[in-house]
Full PDB file with SEQRES, HELIX, SHEET, SSBOND, CRYST1, ORIGX, SCALE, CONECT and MASTER records, all heavy atoms in Angstrom:
SEQRES   1 A   29  ASP ARG PRO ALA ALA ALA LYS ALA VAL PRO HIS ILE ARG          
SEQRES   2 A   29  ASP GLU LEU ASP LYS ARG GLY ILE ASP ILE PRO LEU ILE          
SEQRES   3 A   29  GLY ASP PHE                                                  
HELIX    1 AA1 PRO A    3  LYS A   18  1                                  16    
CRYST1    1.000    1.000    1.000  90.00  90.00  90.00 P 1           1          
ORIGX1      1.000000  0.000000  0.000000        0.00000                         
ORIGX2      0.000000  1.000000  0.000000        0.00000                         
ORIGX3      0.000000  0.000000  1.000000        0.00000                         
SCALE1      1.000000  0.000000  0.000000        0.00000                         
SCALE2      0.000000  1.000000  0.000000        0.00000                         
SCALE3      0.000000  0.000000  1.000000        0.00000                         
ATOM      1  N   ASP A   1       7.965  43.779  10.074  1.00  0.00           N  
ATOM      2  CA  ASP A   1       7.124  44.100  11.220  1.00  0.00           C  
ATOM      3  C   ASP A   1       7.228  45.538  11.706  1.00  0.00           C  
ATOM      4  O   ASP A   1       6.446  45.954  12.566  1.00  0.00           O  
ATOM      5  CB  ASP A   1       7.453  43.149  12.385  1.00  0.00           C  
ATOM      6  CG  ASP A   1       8.922  43.216  12.798  1.00  0.00           C  
ATOM      7  OD1 ASP A   1       9.752  43.735  12.018  1.00  0.00           O  
ATOM      8  OD2 ASP A   1       9.242  42.737  13.910  1.00  0.00           O  
ATOM      9  N   ARG A   2       8.205  46.297  11.162  1.00  0.00           N  
ATOM     10  CA  ARG A   2       8.397  47.663  11.627  1.00  0.00           C  
ATOM     11  C   ARG A   2       9.153  48.436  10.557  1.00  0.00           C  
ATOM     12  O   ARG A   2       9.721  47.828   9.623  1.00  0.00           O  
ATOM     13  CB  ARG A   2       9.143  47.677  12.963  1.00  0.00           C  
ATOM     14  CG  ARG A   2      10.576  47.184  12.898  1.00  0.00           C  
ATOM     15  CD  ARG A   2      11.101  46.928  14.304  1.00  0.00           C  
ATOM     16  NE  ARG A   2      12.555  46.833  14.363  1.00  0.00           N  
ATOM     17  CZ  ARG A   2      13.248  45.752  14.047  1.00  0.00           C  
ATOM     18  NH1 ARG A   2      12.588  44.649  13.645  1.00  0.00           N  
ATOM     19  NH2 ARG A   2      14.567  45.754  14.150  1.00  0.00           N  
ATOM     20  N   PRO A   3       9.220  49.768  10.668  1.00  0.00           N  
ATOM     21  CA  PRO A   3       9.869  50.555   9.620  1.00  0.00           C  
ATOM     22  C   PRO A   3      11.298  50.143   9.322  1.00  0.00           C  
ATOM     23  O   PRO A   3      11.715  50.125   8.154  1.00  0.00           O  
ATOM     24  CB  PRO A   3       9.795  51.985  10.167  1.00  0.00           C  
ATOM     25  CG  PRO A   3       8.564  51.987  11.032  1.00  0.00           C  
ATOM     26  CD  PRO A   3       8.519  50.623  11.662  1.00  0.00           C  
ATOM     27  N   ALA A   4      12.080  49.807  10.351  1.00  0.00           N  
ATOM     28  CA  ALA A   4      13.480  49.422  10.117  1.00  0.00           C  
ATOM     29  C   ALA A   4      13.576  48.183   9.235  1.00  0.00           C  
ATOM     30  O   ALA A   4      14.476  48.077   8.386  1.00  0.00           O  
ATOM     31  CB  ALA A   4      14.180  49.184  11.452  1.00  0.00           C  
ATOM     32  N   ALA A   5      12.668  47.230   9.426  1.00  0.00           N  
ATOM     33  CA  ALA A   5      12.651  46.023   8.589  1.00  0.00           C  
ATOM     34  C   ALA A   5      12.250  46.372   7.163  1.00  0.00           C  
ATOM     35  O   ALA A   5      12.842  45.876   6.200  1.00  0.00           O  
ATOM     36  CB  ALA A   5      11.703  44.989   9.178  1.00  0.00           C  
ATOM     37  N   ALA A   6      11.223  47.223   7.013  1.00  0.00           N  
ATOM     38  CA  ALA A   6      10.777  47.623   5.677  1.00  0.00           C  
ATOM     39  C   ALA A   6      11.882  48.346   4.920  1.00  0.00           C  
ATOM     40  O   ALA A   6      12.075  48.139   3.715  1.00  0.00           O  
ATOM     41  CB  ALA A   6       9.531  48.491   5.785  1.00  0.00           C  
ATOM     42  N   LYS A   7      12.635  49.220   5.604  1.00  0.00           N  
ATOM     43  CA  LYS A   7      13.738  49.935   4.975  1.00  0.00           C  
ATOM     44  C   LYS A   7      14.844  48.980   4.525  1.00  0.00           C  
ATOM     45  O   LYS A   7      15.526  49.228   3.527  1.00  0.00           O  
ATOM     46  CB  LYS A   7      14.313  50.961   5.951  1.00  0.00           C  
ATOM     47  CG  LYS A   7      13.409  52.157   6.210  1.00  0.00           C  
ATOM     48  CD  LYS A   7      14.052  53.099   7.224  1.00  0.00           C  
ATOM     49  CE  LYS A   7      13.126  54.287   7.534  1.00  0.00           C  
ATOM     50  NZ  LYS A   7      13.715  55.197   8.552  1.00  0.00           N  
ATOM     51  N   ALA A   8      15.018  47.893   5.266  1.00  0.00           N  
ATOM     52  CA  ALA A   8      16.099  46.951   4.965  1.00  0.00           C  
ATOM     53  C   ALA A   8      15.807  46.073   3.756  1.00  0.00           C  
ATOM     54  O   ALA A   8      16.735  45.615   3.082  1.00  0.00           O  
ATOM     55  CB  ALA A   8      16.376  46.076   6.184  1.00  0.00           C  
ATOM     56  N   VAL A   9      14.535  45.810   3.479  1.00  0.00           N  
ATOM     57  CA  VAL A   9      14.170  44.840   2.445  1.00  0.00           C  
ATOM     58  C   VAL A   9      14.799  45.140   1.085  1.00  0.00           C  
ATOM     59  O   VAL A   9      15.400  44.245   0.466  1.00  0.00           O  
ATOM     60  CB  VAL A   9      12.632  44.706   2.332  1.00  0.00           C  
ATOM     61  CG1 VAL A   9      12.249  43.939   1.055  1.00  0.00           C  
ATOM     62  CG2 VAL A   9      12.077  43.993   3.550  1.00  0.00           C  
ATOM     63  N   PRO A  10      14.717  46.373   0.537  1.00  0.00           N  
ATOM     64  CA  PRO A  10      15.346  46.603  -0.768  1.00  0.00           C  
ATOM     65  C   PRO A  10      16.859  46.398  -0.752  1.00  0.00           C  
ATOM     66  O   PRO A  10      17.437  45.964  -1.755  1.00  0.00           O  
ATOM     67  CB  PRO A  10      14.967  48.051  -1.103  1.00  0.00           C  
ATOM     68  CG  PRO A  10      14.536  48.660   0.180  1.00  0.00           C  
ATOM     69  CD  PRO A  10      13.960  47.561   0.996  1.00  0.00           C  
ATOM     70  N   HIS A  11      17.505  46.691   0.377  1.00  0.00           N  
ATOM     71  CA  HIS A  11      18.943  46.459   0.477  1.00  0.00           C  
ATOM     72  C   HIS A  11      19.260  44.959   0.504  1.00  0.00           C  
ATOM     73  O   HIS A  11      20.268  44.515  -0.060  1.00  0.00           O  
ATOM     74  CB  HIS A  11      19.493  47.149   1.722  1.00  0.00           C  
ATOM     75  CG  HIS A  11      19.297  48.642   1.731  1.00  0.00           C  
ATOM     76  ND1 HIS A  11      19.967  49.484   0.859  1.00  0.00           N  
ATOM     77  CD2 HIS A  11      18.486  49.430   2.484  1.00  0.00           C  
ATOM     78  CE1 HIS A  11      19.577  50.736   1.082  1.00  0.00           C  
ATOM     79  NE2 HIS A  11      18.682  50.724   2.062  1.00  0.00           N  
ATOM     80  N   ILE A  12      18.391  44.188   1.156  1.00  0.00           N  
ATOM     81  CA  ILE A  12      18.543  42.732   1.162  1.00  0.00           C  
ATOM     82  C   ILE A  12      18.417  42.197  -0.260  1.00  0.00           C  
ATOM     83  O   ILE A  12      19.221  41.367  -0.704  1.00  0.00           O  
ATOM     84  CB  ILE A  12      17.495  42.090   2.091  1.00  0.00           C  
ATOM     85  CG1 ILE A  12      17.777  42.479   3.549  1.00  0.00           C  
ATOM     86  CG2 ILE A  12      17.460  40.575   1.928  1.00  0.00           C  
ATOM     87  CD1 ILE A  12      16.647  42.141   4.503  1.00  0.00           C  
ATOM     88  N   ARG A  13      17.420  42.690  -0.982  1.00  0.00           N  
ATOM     89  CA  ARG A  13      17.220  42.265  -2.368  1.00  0.00           C  
ATOM     90  C   ARG A  13      18.446  42.610  -3.236  1.00  0.00           C  
ATOM     91  O   ARG A  13      18.896  41.782  -4.021  1.00  0.00           O  
ATOM     92  CB  ARG A  13      15.972  42.928  -2.931  1.00  0.00           C  
ATOM     93  CG  ARG A  13      15.599  42.584  -4.369  1.00  0.00           C  
ATOM     94  CD  ARG A  13      15.074  41.202  -4.540  1.00  0.00           C  
ATOM     95  NE  ARG A  13      16.151  40.220  -4.762  1.00  0.00           N  
ATOM     96  CZ  ARG A  13      15.991  38.913  -4.641  1.00  0.00           C  
ATOM     97  NH1 ARG A  13      14.791  38.435  -4.297  1.00  0.00           N  
ATOM     98  NH2 ARG A  13      17.017  38.091  -4.855  1.00  0.00           N  
ATOM     99  N   ASP A  14      18.949  43.818  -3.075  1.00  0.00           N  
ATOM    100  CA  ASP A  14      20.104  44.241  -3.868  1.00  0.00           C  
ATOM    101  C   ASP A  14      21.322  43.371  -3.579  1.00  0.00           C  
ATOM    102  O   ASP A  14      22.044  42.964  -4.497  1.00  0.00           O  
ATOM    103  CB  ASP A  14      20.436  45.707  -3.583  1.00  0.00           C  
ATOM    104  CG  ASP A  14      19.408  46.671  -4.153  1.00  0.00           C  
ATOM    105  OD1 ASP A  14      18.605  46.257  -5.021  1.00  0.00           O  
ATOM    106  OD2 ASP A  14      19.401  47.848  -3.715  1.00  0.00           O  
ATOM    107  N   GLU A  15      21.567  43.084  -2.298  1.00  0.00           N  
ATOM    108  CA  GLU A  15      22.739  42.301  -1.933  1.00  0.00           C  
ATOM    109  C   GLU A  15      22.609  40.860  -2.430  1.00  0.00           C  
ATOM    110  O   GLU A  15      23.591  40.252  -2.885  1.00  0.00           O  
ATOM    111  CB  GLU A  15      22.939  42.322  -0.422  1.00  0.00           C  
ATOM    112  CG  GLU A  15      24.194  41.606   0.062  1.00  0.00           C  
ATOM    113  CD  GLU A  15      25.471  42.162  -0.535  1.00  0.00           C  
ATOM    114  OE1 GLU A  15      25.543  43.377  -0.778  1.00  0.00           O  
ATOM    115  OE2 GLU A  15      26.406  41.360  -0.778  1.00  0.00           O  
ATOM    116  N   LEU A  16      21.409  40.299  -2.360  1.00  0.00           N  
ATOM    117  CA  LEU A  16      21.201  38.947  -2.884  1.00  0.00           C  
ATOM    118  C   LEU A  16      21.465  38.913  -4.390  1.00  0.00           C  
ATOM    119  O   LEU A  16      22.080  37.986  -4.900  1.00  0.00           O  
ATOM    120  CB  LEU A  16      19.771  38.481  -2.583  1.00  0.00           C  
ATOM    121  CG  LEU A  16      19.473  38.131  -1.126  1.00  0.00           C  
ATOM    122  CD1 LEU A  16      17.967  37.953  -0.925  1.00  0.00           C  
ATOM    123  CD2 LEU A  16      20.205  36.861  -0.703  1.00  0.00           C  
ATOM    124  N   ASP A  17      20.993  39.937  -5.099  1.00  0.00           N  
ATOM    125  CA  ASP A  17      21.230  40.009  -6.541  1.00  0.00           C  
ATOM    126  C   ASP A  17      22.724  40.079  -6.844  1.00  0.00           C  
ATOM    127  O   ASP A  17      23.212  39.448  -7.799  1.00  0.00           O  
ATOM    128  CB  ASP A  17      20.508  41.215  -7.138  1.00  0.00           C  
ATOM    129  CG  ASP A  17      18.991  41.066  -7.116  1.00  0.00           C  
ATOM    130  OD1 ASP A  17      18.498  39.923  -6.984  1.00  0.00           O  
ATOM    131  OD2 ASP A  17      18.296  42.105  -7.222  1.00  0.00           O  
ATOM    132  N   LYS A  18      23.466  40.838  -6.051  1.00  0.00           N  
ATOM    133  CA  LYS A  18      24.914  40.926  -6.242  1.00  0.00           C  
ATOM    134  C   LYS A  18      25.587  39.565  -6.060  1.00  0.00           C  
ATOM    135  O   LYS A  18      26.585  39.266  -6.702  1.00  0.00           O  
ATOM    136  CB  LYS A  18      25.519  41.936  -5.265  1.00  0.00           C  
ATOM    137  CG  LYS A  18      25.156  43.385  -5.558  1.00  0.00           C  
ATOM    138  CD  LYS A  18      25.731  44.309  -4.495  1.00  0.00           C  
ATOM    139  CE  LYS A  18      25.300  45.758  -4.727  1.00  0.00           C  
ATOM    140  NZ  LYS A  18      25.792  46.667  -3.650  1.00  0.00           N  
ATOM    141  N   ARG A  19      25.036  38.742  -5.175  1.00  0.00           N  
ATOM    142  CA  ARG A  19      25.595  37.415  -4.923  1.00  0.00           C  
ATOM    143  C   ARG A  19      25.075  36.361  -5.899  1.00  0.00           C  
ATOM    144  O   ARG A  19      25.427  35.186  -5.799  1.00  0.00           O  
ATOM    145  CB  ARG A  19      25.294  36.968  -3.497  1.00  0.00           C  
ATOM    146  CG  ARG A  19      25.883  37.857  -2.416  1.00  0.00           C  
ATOM    147  CD  ARG A  19      25.665  37.254  -1.032  1.00  0.00           C  
ATOM    148  NE  ARG A  19      26.056  38.148   0.045  1.00  0.00           N  
ATOM    149  CZ  ARG A  19      26.066  37.818   1.338  1.00  0.00           C  
ATOM    150  NH1 ARG A  19      25.709  36.589   1.702  1.00  0.00           N  
ATOM    151  NH2 ARG A  19      26.440  38.702   2.268  1.00  0.00           N  
ATOM    152  N   GLY A  20      24.221  36.767  -6.821  1.00  0.00           N  
ATOM    153  CA  GLY A  20      23.664  35.823  -7.788  1.00  0.00           C  
ATOM    154  C   GLY A  20      22.574  34.946  -7.231  1.00  0.00           C  
ATOM    155  O   GLY A  20      22.291  33.877  -7.776  1.00  0.00           O  
ATOM    156  N   ILE A  21      21.919  35.402  -6.155  1.00  0.00           N  
ATOM    157  CA  ILE A  21      20.823  34.655  -5.525  1.00  0.00           C  
ATOM    158  C   ILE A  21      19.521  35.309  -5.942  1.00  0.00           C  
ATOM    159  O   ILE A  21      19.133  36.363  -5.426  1.00  0.00           O  
ATOM    160  CB  ILE A  21      20.953  34.647  -3.989  1.00  0.00           C  
ATOM    161  CG1 ILE A  21      22.352  34.223  -3.543  1.00  0.00           C  
ATOM    162  CG2 ILE A  21      19.878  33.765  -3.383  1.00  0.00           C  
ATOM    163  CD1 ILE A  21      22.721  32.827  -3.896  1.00  0.00           C  
ATOM    164  N   ASP A  22      18.807  34.697  -6.897  1.00  0.00           N  
ATOM    165  CA  ASP A  22      17.601  35.325  -7.447  1.00  0.00           C  
ATOM    166  C   ASP A  22      16.319  34.805  -6.815  1.00  0.00           C  
ATOM    167  O   ASP A  22      15.232  34.988  -7.355  1.00  0.00           O  
ATOM    168  CB  ASP A  22      17.540  35.140  -8.962  1.00  0.00           C  
ATOM    169  CG  ASP A  22      17.463  33.675  -9.388  1.00  0.00           C  
ATOM    170  OD1 ASP A  22      17.582  32.785  -8.516  1.00  0.00           O  
ATOM    171  OD2 ASP A  22      17.276  33.421 -10.598  1.00  0.00           O  
ATOM    172  N   ILE A  23      16.415  34.172  -5.654  1.00  0.00           N  
ATOM    173  CA  ILE A  23      15.246  33.597  -5.005  1.00  0.00           C  
ATOM    174  C   ILE A  23      14.242  34.690  -4.644  1.00  0.00           C  
ATOM    175  O   ILE A  23      14.613  35.753  -4.130  1.00  0.00           O  
ATOM    176  CB  ILE A  23      15.669  32.801  -3.752  1.00  0.00           C  
ATOM    177  CG1 ILE A  23      14.497  31.994  -3.205  1.00  0.00           C  
ATOM    178  CG2 ILE A  23      16.237  33.721  -2.676  1.00  0.00           C  
ATOM    179  CD1 ILE A  23      14.920  30.955  -2.164  1.00  0.00           C  
ATOM    180  N   PRO A  24      12.938  34.492  -4.922  1.00  0.00           N  
ATOM    181  CA  PRO A  24      11.939  35.500  -4.560  1.00  0.00           C  
ATOM    182  C   PRO A  24      11.800  35.650  -3.043  1.00  0.00           C  
ATOM    183  O   PRO A  24      11.842  34.663  -2.307  1.00  0.00           O  
ATOM    184  CB  PRO A  24      10.645  34.944  -5.175  1.00  0.00           C  
ATOM    185  CG  PRO A  24      11.094  33.993  -6.239  1.00  0.00           C  
ATOM    186  CD  PRO A  24      12.359  33.393  -5.721  1.00  0.00           C  
ATOM    187  N   LEU A  25      11.616  36.892  -2.596  1.00  0.00           N  
ATOM    188  CA  LEU A  25      11.388  37.192  -1.195  1.00  0.00           C  
ATOM    189  C   LEU A  25       9.913  37.480  -0.966  1.00  0.00           C  
ATOM    190  O   LEU A  25       9.281  38.208  -1.729  1.00  0.00           O  
ATOM    191  CB  LEU A  25      12.210  38.400  -0.756  1.00  0.00           C  
ATOM    192  CG  LEU A  25      13.736  38.261  -0.760  1.00  0.00           C  
ATOM    193  CD1 LEU A  25      14.374  39.575  -0.333  1.00  0.00           C  
ATOM    194  CD2 LEU A  25      14.187  37.125   0.137  1.00  0.00           C  
ATOM    195  N   ILE A  26       9.375  36.909   0.097  1.00  0.00           N  
ATOM    196  CA  ILE A  26       7.982  37.121   0.482  1.00  0.00           C  
ATOM    197  C   ILE A  26       7.964  37.939   1.765  1.00  0.00           C  
ATOM    198  O   ILE A  26       8.662  37.612   2.728  1.00  0.00           O  
ATOM    199  CB  ILE A  26       7.264  35.777   0.701  1.00  0.00           C  
ATOM    200  CG1 ILE A  26       7.301  34.940  -0.576  1.00  0.00           C  
ATOM    201  CG2 ILE A  26       5.826  35.998   1.159  1.00  0.00           C  
ATOM    202  CD1 ILE A  26       6.918  33.495  -0.355  1.00  0.00           C  
ATOM    203  N   GLY A  27       7.165  38.978   1.793  1.00  0.00           N  
ATOM    204  CA  GLY A  27       7.043  39.790   2.987  1.00  0.00           C  
ATOM    205  C   GLY A  27       5.937  39.277   3.888  1.00  0.00           C  
ATOM    206  O   GLY A  27       4.798  39.088   3.445  1.00  0.00           O  
ATOM    207  N   ASP A  28       6.250  39.055   5.157  1.00  0.00           N  
ATOM    208  CA  ASP A  28       5.289  38.577   6.151  1.00  0.00           C  
ATOM    209  C   ASP A  28       4.798  39.777   6.951  1.00  0.00           C  
ATOM    210  O   ASP A  28       5.547  40.355   7.740  1.00  0.00           O  
ATOM    211  CB  ASP A  28       5.959  37.552   7.067  1.00  0.00           C  
ATOM    212  CG  ASP A  28       4.970  36.842   7.963  1.00  0.00           C  
ATOM    213  OD1 ASP A  28       4.128  36.116   7.459  1.00  0.00           O  
ATOM    214  OD2 ASP A  28       5.041  37.018   9.192  1.00  0.00           O  
ATOM    215  N   PHE A  29       3.522  40.157   6.765  1.00  0.00           N  
ATOM    216  CA  PHE A  29       2.979  41.377   7.340  1.00  0.00           C  
ATOM    217  C   PHE A  29       1.913  41.091   8.389  1.00  0.00           C  
ATOM    218  O   PHE A  29       1.074  40.203   8.209  1.00  0.00           O  
ATOM    219  CB  PHE A  29       2.369  42.260   6.250  1.00  0.00           C  
ATOM    220  CG  PHE A  29       3.374  42.821   5.290  1.00  0.00           C  
ATOM    221  CD1 PHE A  29       3.572  42.231   4.051  1.00  0.00           C  
ATOM    222  CD2 PHE A  29       4.128  43.934   5.617  1.00  0.00           C  
ATOM    223  CE1 PHE A  29       4.491  42.746   3.156  1.00  0.00           C  
ATOM    224  CE2 PHE A  29       5.054  44.451   4.726  1.00  0.00           C  
ATOM    225  CZ  PHE A  29       5.237  43.860   3.499  1.00  0.00           C  
TER     226      PHE A  29                                                      
MASTER        0    0    0    1    0    0    0    6  225    1    0    3          
END                                                                             
């Protein structure tokens, strides 16, 4: 919903990958 959330998304994806969680993320815009 805002720039701070958009900036966080790739870091969320990276951290999930590190934990072995490959679930797809959907962005709600």
